[in-house]
Amino acid sequence: MVAIREHFRSEGPGRESEWARQRRWFIKARHDHQRREDVAEKLEESTSVAGMVATVTAPPASIQQFETTLTDYETATVAALLTNEEKMSLVQSALDVLLAQAFVMDDGRRVFMTEDGTQVFDDDGIEVSPEELDFDLIPPDAPKWETYAPQLKEFDRLRSEKQALLDYQSKLDNAREAVASGDLKI
């Protein structure tokens, strides 16, 4: 106990005890840490204020112009969706006719042979191997792959186009909601 007391007591004039020196160091470290936190907080506040300044509400004339443009885009999107639906219906009808005439495998798949007779594909475009099907079973007057494939490809393209139009329409709906709620920012 005496050794500890000796360690922390002053050792003559002008010399401070180890305990007092560590205490001063600890207080200084705490002040430095607090100062760094204050600087970081002020920086965050100034960044937040700068962000608020950048998101000023749009003037009423701009909002009116935007709503008009938005209406034009919505009208064009609906028209494009209707056109897409008509085209999909026509292509689906053509596919249905070809599928009705196609050779049906034992597992229910409808298949189409290439014009050269070397390959057979099912209605999803997956190649059927000679081990799965005897190609000679397919009647010569059955629709060919070269007739079916372009229709299938067009249907897939129209389906992708429709999805893109629906995604775009969703963005327009979100923009319309932002205008209605007053959340539209410039």
Protein backbone atom coordinates (compact mmCIF):
# COMPACT_ATOMS: atom_id res chain seq x y z
CA MET A 1 0.00 0.00 0.00
CA VAL A 2 2.84 2.29 0.81
CA ALA A 3 4.38 1.67 -2.63
CA ILE A 4 1.18 2.72 -4.37
CA ARG A 5 0.88 5.86 -2.29
CA GLU A 6 4.51 6.63 -3.01
CA HIS A 7 3.92 6.12 -6.73
CA PHE A 8 1.06 8.64 -6.90
CA ARG A 9 2.36 11.30 -4.57
CA SER A 10 4.28 14.30 -5.68
CA GLU A 11 7.99 13.90 -5.85
CA GLY A 12 9.23 17.27 -4.95
CA PRO A 13 8.46 20.80 -5.96
CA GLY A 14 7.37 21.28 -9.59
CA ARG A 15 6.71 17.61 -10.07
CA GLU A 16 3.17 16.35 -10.19
CA SER A 17 2.04 12.95 -9.16
CA GLU A 18 1.43 10.24 -11.75
CA TRP A 19 -2.23 10.18 -10.79
CA ALA A 20 -2.63 13.91 -11.40
CA ARG A 21 -0.88 13.64 -14.78
CA GLN A 22 -3.13 10.75 -15.87
CA ARG A 23 -6.19 12.62 -14.67
CA ARG A 24 -5.24 15.69 -16.75
CA TRP A 25 -4.58 13.48 -19.78
CA PHE A 26 -7.99 11.78 -19.37
CA ILE A 27 -9.82 15.12 -19.10
CA LYS A 28 -8.02 16.44 -22.18
CA ALA A 29 -8.87 13.29 -24.15
CA ARG A 30 -12.53 13.63 -23.14
CA HIS A 31 -12.59 17.29 -24.28
CA ASP A 32 -10.92 16.38 -27.59
CA HIS A 33 -13.46 13.64 -28.19
CA GLN A 34 -16.35 16.02 -27.43
CA ARG A 35 -14.89 18.64 -29.78
CA ARG A 36 -14.64 16.07 -32.60
CA GLU A 37 -18.25 15.03 -32.04
CA ASP A 38 -19.36 18.69 -32.13
CA VAL A 39 -17.53 19.28 -35.42
CA ALA A 40 -19.06 16.13 -36.94
CA GLU A 41 -22.52 17.18 -35.79
CA LYS A 42 -22.13 20.68 -37.28
CA LEU A 43 -20.94 19.16 -40.55
CA GLU A 44 -23.95 16.85 -40.62
CA GLU A 45 -26.31 19.76 -39.92
CA SER A 46 -24.78 21.89 -42.68
CA THR A 47 -25.04 18.98 -45.14
CA SER A 48 -28.66 18.47 -44.15
CA VAL A 49 -29.45 22.15 -44.63
CA ALA A 50 -27.73 22.08 -48.03
CA GLY A 51 -29.87 19.09 -48.98
CA MET A 52 -33.01 20.93 -47.94
CA VAL A 53 -32.07 23.92 -50.02
CA ALA A 54 -31.63 21.68 -53.08
CA THR A 55 -35.13 20.17 -52.68
CA VAL A 56 -37.25 23.27 -53.09
CA THR A 57 -40.89 22.73 -53.91
CA ALA A 58 -41.64 23.33 -57.57
CA PRO A 59 -43.52 26.53 -58.50
CA PRO A 60 -47.23 26.12 -59.38
CA ALA A 61 -46.67 26.89 -63.09
CA SER A 62 -44.05 24.15 -63.31
CA ILE A 63 -46.35 21.71 -61.55
CA GLN A 64 -49.17 22.52 -64.00
CA GLN A 65 -46.81 22.02 -66.95
CA PHE A 66 -45.59 18.74 -65.46
CA GLU A 67 -49.17 17.50 -64.92
CA THR A 68 -49.99 18.26 -68.57
CA THR A 69 -46.91 16.39 -69.76
CA LEU A 70 -47.70 13.56 -67.35
CA THR A 71 -51.23 13.29 -68.78
CA ASP A 72 -49.81 13.13 -72.32
CA TYR A 73 -47.42 10.35 -71.29
CA GLU A 74 -50.19 8.42 -69.53
CA THR A 75 -52.43 8.69 -72.59
CA ALA A 76 -49.64 7.51 -74.89
CA THR A 77 -48.81 4.62 -72.55
CA VAL A 78 -52.42 3.44 -72.40
CA ALA A 79 -52.63 3.63 -76.21
CA ALA A 80 -49.38 1.64 -76.51
CA LEU A 81 -50.70 -0.98 -74.08
CA LEU A 82 -53.92 -1.34 -76.10
CA THR A 83 -51.94 -1.70 -79.35
CA ASN A 84 -49.66 -4.23 -77.67
CA GLU A 85 -52.65 -6.22 -76.43
CA GLU A 86 -54.17 -6.31 -79.94
CA LYS A 87 -50.89 -7.53 -81.43
CA MET A 88 -50.48 -10.15 -78.69
CA SER A 89 -54.00 -11.39 -79.37
CA LEU A 90 -53.29 -11.77 -83.10
CA VAL A 91 -50.01 -13.59 -82.50
CA GLN A 92 -51.62 -15.81 -79.86
CA SER A 93 -54.35 -16.74 -82.36
CA ALA A 94 -51.70 -17.69 -84.93
CA LEU A 95 -49.86 -19.75 -82.30
CA ASP A 96 -53.09 -21.48 -81.27
CA VAL A 97 -53.77 -22.52 -84.88
CA LEU A 98 -50.24 -23.93 -85.25
CA LEU A 99 -50.43 -25.68 -81.86
CA ALA A 100 -53.76 -27.27 -82.82
CA GLN A 101 -52.12 -28.73 -85.94
CA ALA A 102 -48.86 -29.75 -84.24
CA PHE A 103 -47.85 -33.33 -83.49
CA VAL A 104 -48.47 -34.21 -79.82
CA MET A 105 -45.96 -36.36 -77.97
CA ASP A 106 -46.99 -38.96 -75.39
CA ASP A 107 -46.11 -36.54 -72.58
CA GLY A 108 -48.45 -33.89 -74.03
CA ARG A 109 -45.86 -31.61 -75.57
CA ARG A 110 -46.62 -30.25 -79.01
CA VAL A 111 -43.63 -30.44 -81.33
CA PHE A 112 -42.43 -28.98 -84.61
CA MET A 113 -39.87 -30.48 -86.97
CA THR A 114 -37.47 -28.33 -88.96
CA GLU A 115 -37.98 -28.22 -92.72
CA ASP A 116 -34.83 -30.26 -93.28
CA GLY A 117 -36.13 -32.92 -90.83
CA THR A 118 -32.98 -32.95 -88.69
CA GLN A 119 -34.34 -31.30 -85.53
CA VAL A 120 -37.55 -31.17 -83.52
CA PHE A 121 -38.54 -28.48 -81.00
CA ASP A 122 -41.39 -28.38 -78.51
CA ASP A 123 -43.84 -25.49 -78.12
CA ASP A 124 -41.46 -23.71 -75.69
CA GLY A 125 -38.55 -23.86 -78.15
CA ILE A 126 -36.71 -26.66 -76.35
CA GLU A 127 -35.05 -29.17 -78.65
CA VAL A 128 -36.40 -32.73 -78.51
CA SER A 129 -33.81 -35.46 -78.99
CA PRO A 130 -34.27 -38.51 -81.26
CA GLU A 131 -34.14 -40.63 -78.08
CA GLU A 132 -37.27 -38.89 -76.80
CA LEU A 133 -39.21 -39.10 -80.06
CA ASP A 134 -39.05 -41.02 -83.29
CA PHE A 135 -39.02 -38.16 -85.82
CA ASP A 136 -40.72 -40.39 -88.42
CA LEU A 137 -43.92 -40.27 -86.35
CA ILE A 138 -44.42 -36.59 -87.21
CA PRO A 139 -46.66 -36.31 -90.30
CA PRO A 140 -45.16 -34.41 -93.25
CA ASP A 141 -48.08 -31.95 -93.32
CA ALA A 142 -47.59 -30.90 -89.65
CA PRO A 143 -46.54 -27.26 -89.15
CA LYS A 144 -42.80 -26.69 -89.36
CA TRP A 145 -40.52 -25.12 -86.77
CA GLU A 146 -39.62 -22.32 -89.20
CA THR A 147 -43.31 -21.30 -89.24
CA TYR A 148 -43.85 -21.58 -85.48
CA ALA A 149 -40.57 -20.10 -84.18
CA PRO A 150 -41.03 -16.53 -85.52
CA GLN A 151 -44.52 -16.39 -84.02
CA LEU A 152 -43.19 -17.60 -80.67
CA LYS A 153 -40.35 -15.08 -80.80
CA GLU A 154 -42.78 -12.25 -81.63
CA PHE A 155 -45.07 -13.26 -78.77
CA ASP A 156 -42.15 -13.22 -76.34
CA ARG A 157 -41.07 -9.80 -77.65
CA LEU A 158 -44.60 -8.43 -77.22
CA ARG A 159 -44.78 -9.86 -73.71
CA SER A 160 -41.50 -8.09 -72.82
CA GLU A 161 -42.77 -4.88 -74.40
CA LYS A 162 -45.96 -5.11 -72.36
CA GLN A 163 -43.99 -5.55 -69.14
CA ALA A 164 -41.84 -2.52 -69.98
CA LEU A 165 -44.98 -0.47 -70.64
CA LEU A 166 -46.52 -1.60 -67.34
CA ASP A 167 -43.30 -0.67 -65.50
CA TYR A 168 -43.34 2.75 -67.16
CA GLN A 169 -47.02 3.21 -66.28
CA SER A 170 -46.16 2.43 -62.66
CA LYS A 171 -43.52 5.19 -62.69
CA LEU A 172 -46.08 7.59 -64.13
CA ASP A 173 -48.53 6.59 -61.38
CA ASN A 174 -45.86 7.27 -58.74
CA ALA A 175 -45.19 10.69 -60.28
CA ARG A 176 -48.92 11.45 -60.30
CA GLU A 177 -49.14 10.50 -56.61
CA ALA A 178 -46.16 12.75 -55.82
CA VAL A 179 -47.87 15.68 -57.52
CA ALA A 180 -51.16 14.99 -55.72
CA SER A 181 -49.52 14.73 -52.32
CA GLY A 182 -47.37 17.83 -52.85
CA ASP A 183 -44.14 15.84 -52.59
CA LEU A 184 -42.91 16.85 -56.03
CA LYS A 185 -39.48 18.44 -55.70
CA ILE A 186 -37.27 20.09 -58.28
